[in-house]
């Protein structure tokens, strides 16, 4: 299901003023957010606060071909050792070598 931000807000029975108060986002910014065709210029935290003000939560999903993978916020050390991280890495021998062992380009 795909809905605009405005449609989500209206379905939740909230006004822009309600969302502004609950999210601590200026009402004029709420209006701009709802009129966007994409969210490239918005921070994840802004989108999270907007949705929380509606009673929802933000979920990030990465698209890899026909696969959809939910992205979780985890500690950096867990992300570097997770099986999913290894599954998306290049498989060439050079890519698996530590950076310190890779040949450095000649300067000239």
C-alpha atoms as a PDB file:
ATOM      1  CA  UNK A   1       0.000   0.000   0.000  1.00  0.00           C
ATOM      2  CA  UNK A   2       1.315   3.448  -0.901  1.00  0.00           C
ATOM      3  CA  UNK A   3      -0.044   6.598   0.719  1.00  0.00           C
ATOM      4  CA  UNK A   4       1.201  10.160   0.760  1.00  0.00           C
ATOM      5  CA  UNK A   5       2.304  11.705   4.029  1.00  0.00           C
ATOM      6  CA  UNK A   6      -0.772  13.941   3.958  1.00  0.00           C
ATOM      7  CA  UNK A   7      -3.078  10.942   3.423  1.00  0.00           C
ATOM      8  CA  UNK A   8      -1.436   9.180   6.383  1.00  0.00           C
ATOM      9  CA  UNK A   9      -1.960  12.235   8.577  1.00  0.00           C
ATOM     10  CA  UNK A  10      -5.571  12.639   7.516  1.00  0.00           C
ATOM     11  CA  UNK A  11      -6.249   8.913   8.051  1.00  0.00           C
ATOM     12  CA  UNK A  12      -4.864   9.305  11.578  1.00  0.00           C
ATOM     13  CA  UNK A  13      -7.342  12.139  12.165  1.00  0.00           C
ATOM     14  CA  UNK A  14      -4.595  14.684  12.853  1.00  0.00           C
ATOM     15  CA  UNK A  15      -4.096  18.239  11.675  1.00  0.00           C
ATOM     16  CA  UNK A  16      -0.744  19.703  10.690  1.00  0.00           C
ATOM     17  CA  UNK A  17      -0.836  21.668  13.941  1.00  0.00           C
ATOM     18  CA  UNK A  18      -1.363  18.427  15.917  1.00  0.00           C
ATOM     19  CA  UNK A  19       1.595  16.780  14.190  1.00  0.00           C
ATOM     20  CA  UNK A  20       3.774  19.871  14.637  1.00  0.00           C
ATOM     21  CA  UNK A  21       3.109  19.930  18.368  1.00  0.00           C
ATOM     22  CA  UNK A  22       3.692  16.205  18.850  1.00  0.00           C
ATOM     23  CA  UNK A  23       6.798  16.003  16.656  1.00  0.00           C
ATOM     24  CA  UNK A  24       8.365  19.371  17.484  1.00  0.00           C
ATOM     25  CA  UNK A  25       8.539  20.085  13.747  1.00  0.00           C
ATOM     26  CA  UNK A  26       7.413  23.540  12.626  1.00  0.00           C
ATOM     27  CA  UNK A  27       3.953  23.493  10.993  1.00  0.00           C
ATOM     28  CA  UNK A  28       5.338  25.150   7.838  1.00  0.00           C
ATOM     29  CA  UNK A  29       7.908  22.337   7.611  1.00  0.00           C
ATOM     30  CA  UNK A  30       5.115  19.786   8.003  1.00  0.00           C
ATOM     31  CA  UNK A  31       3.362  21.422   5.047  1.00  0.00           C
ATOM     32  CA  UNK A  32       6.553  21.272   2.947  1.00  0.00           C
ATOM     33  CA  UNK A  33       7.165  17.651   3.922  1.00  0.00           C
ATOM     34  CA  UNK A  34       3.654  16.675   2.866  1.00  0.00           C
ATOM     35  CA  UNK A  35       4.024  18.351  -0.523  1.00  0.00           C
ATOM     36  CA  UNK A  36       7.276  16.604  -1.490  1.00  0.00           C
ATOM     37  CA  UNK A  37       7.417  14.008  -4.242  1.00  0.00           C
ATOM     38  CA  UNK A  38      10.511  12.413  -2.661  1.00  0.00           C
ATOM     39  CA  UNK A  39      12.296  12.604   0.673  1.00  0.00           C
ATOM     40  CA  UNK A  40      15.893  12.952  -0.507  1.00  0.00           C
ATOM     41  CA  UNK A  41      16.394  16.214   1.395  1.00  0.00           C
ATOM     42  CA  UNK A  42      14.916  15.019   4.699  1.00  0.00           C
ATOM     43  CA  UNK A  43      16.707  13.449   7.614  1.00  0.00           C
ATOM     44  CA  UNK A  44      15.589  10.046   8.823  1.00  0.00           C
ATOM     45  CA  UNK A  45      15.009  11.542  12.280  1.00  0.00           C
ATOM     46  CA  UNK A  46      12.515  14.057  10.832  1.00  0.00           C
ATOM     47  CA  UNK A  47      10.541  11.318   9.088  1.00  0.00           C
ATOM     48  CA  UNK A  48      10.667   9.199  12.248  1.00  0.00           C
ATOM     49  CA  UNK A  49       9.299  12.057  14.393  1.00  0.00           C
ATOM     50  CA  UNK A  50       6.544  12.804  11.859  1.00  0.00           C
ATOM     51  CA  UNK A  51       5.370   9.186  11.813  1.00  0.00           C
ATOM     52  CA  UNK A  52       5.654   8.868  15.595  1.00  0.00           C
ATOM     53  CA  UNK A  53       3.345  11.889  15.913  1.00  0.00           C
ATOM     54  CA  UNK A  54       0.803   9.898  13.894  1.00  0.00           C
ATOM     55  CA  UNK A  55       1.217   6.853  16.143  1.00  0.00           C
ATOM     56  CA  UNK A  56       3.426   4.946  13.702  1.00  0.00           C
ATOM     57  CA  UNK A  57       7.070   4.098  13.337  1.00  0.00           C
ATOM     58  CA  UNK A  58       9.532   4.404  10.493  1.00  0.00           C
ATOM     59  CA  UNK A  59      10.925   1.241   8.906  1.00  0.00           C
ATOM     60  CA  UNK A  60      13.686   1.354   6.307  1.00  0.00           C
ATOM     61  CA  UNK A  61      13.702  -1.254   3.570  1.00  0.00           C
ATOM     62  CA  UNK A  62      16.518  -1.751   1.094  1.00  0.00           C
ATOM     63  CA  UNK A  63      15.678  -3.051  -2.374  1.00  0.00           C
ATOM     64  CA  UNK A  64      18.203  -5.462  -3.894  1.00  0.00           C
ATOM     65  CA  UNK A  65      16.766  -6.594  -7.206  1.00  0.00           C
ATOM     66  CA  UNK A  66      13.602  -8.475  -6.296  1.00  0.00           C
ATOM     67  CA  UNK A  67      14.597  -8.761  -2.615  1.00  0.00           C
ATOM     68  CA  UNK A  68      13.340  -6.402   0.070  1.00  0.00           C
ATOM     69  CA  UNK A  69      15.425  -6.303   3.247  1.00  0.00           C
ATOM     70  CA  UNK A  70      14.393  -4.424   6.392  1.00  0.00           C
ATOM     71  CA  UNK A  71      17.275  -2.336   7.678  1.00  0.00           C
ATOM     72  CA  UNK A  72      17.790  -2.215  11.433  1.00  0.00           C
ATOM     73  CA  UNK A  73      19.832   0.261  13.417  1.00  0.00           C
ATOM     74  CA  UNK A  74      22.465  -1.807  15.187  1.00  0.00           C
ATOM     75  CA  UNK A  75      25.846  -1.189  16.744  1.00  0.00           C
ATOM     76  CA  UNK A  76      28.579  -0.816  14.134  1.00  0.00           C
ATOM     77  CA  UNK A  77      30.568  -3.848  15.322  1.00  0.00           C
ATOM     78  CA  UNK A  78      27.540  -6.114  14.827  1.00  0.00           C
ATOM     79  CA  UNK A  79      26.907  -4.762  11.345  1.00  0.00           C
ATOM     80  CA  UNK A  80      30.430  -5.557  10.161  1.00  0.00           C
ATOM     81  CA  UNK A  81      30.210  -9.214  11.170  1.00  0.00           C
ATOM     82  CA  UNK A  82      26.627 -10.014  10.229  1.00  0.00           C
ATOM     83  CA  UNK A  83      25.918 -12.704   7.591  1.00  0.00           C
ATOM     84  CA  UNK A  84      23.841 -10.222   5.571  1.00  0.00           C
ATOM     85  CA  UNK A  85      26.813  -7.870   5.372  1.00  0.00           C
ATOM     86  CA  UNK A  86      29.045 -10.667   4.075  1.00  0.00           C
ATOM     87  CA  UNK A  87      26.381 -11.749   1.574  1.00  0.00           C
ATOM     88  CA  UNK A  88      26.386  -8.321  -0.083  1.00  0.00           C
ATOM     89  CA  UNK A  89      30.179  -7.955  -0.278  1.00  0.00           C
ATOM     90  CA  UNK A  90      32.198  -8.443  -3.484  1.00  0.00           C
ATOM     91  CA  UNK A  91      33.565 -11.944  -3.831  1.00  0.00           C
ATOM     92  CA  UNK A  92      36.823 -11.317  -5.679  1.00  0.00           C
ATOM     93  CA  UNK A  93      40.054 -12.318  -3.933  1.00  0.00           C
ATOM     94  CA  UNK A  94      41.238  -8.712  -3.864  1.00  0.00           C
ATOM     95  CA  UNK A  95      38.051  -7.527  -2.158  1.00  0.00           C
ATOM     96  CA  UNK A  96      38.519 -10.068   0.651  1.00  0.00           C
ATOM     97  CA  UNK A  97      42.068  -9.004   1.466  1.00  0.00           C
ATOM     98  CA  UNK A  98      42.515  -6.472   4.268  1.00  0.00           C
ATOM     99  CA  UNK A  99      43.178  -2.970   2.965  1.00  0.00           C
ATOM    100  CA  UNK A 100      46.648  -2.994   4.485  1.00  0.00           C
ATOM    101  CA  UNK A 101      47.594  -5.923   2.231  1.00  0.00           C
ATOM    102  CA  UNK A 102      46.196  -4.530  -1.019  1.00  0.00           C
ATOM    103  CA  UNK A 103      48.585  -3.146  -3.587  1.00  0.00           C
ATOM    104  CA  UNK A 104      48.777   0.610  -3.582  1.00  0.00           C
ATOM    105  CA  UNK A 105      48.649   2.452  -6.936  1.00  0.00           C
ATOM    106  CA  UNK A 106      51.948   3.850  -8.136  1.00  0.00           C
ATOM    107  CA  UNK A 107      52.300   7.598  -7.854  1.00  0.00           C
ATOM    108  CA  UNK A 108      53.928   9.428 -10.660  1.00  0.00           C
END
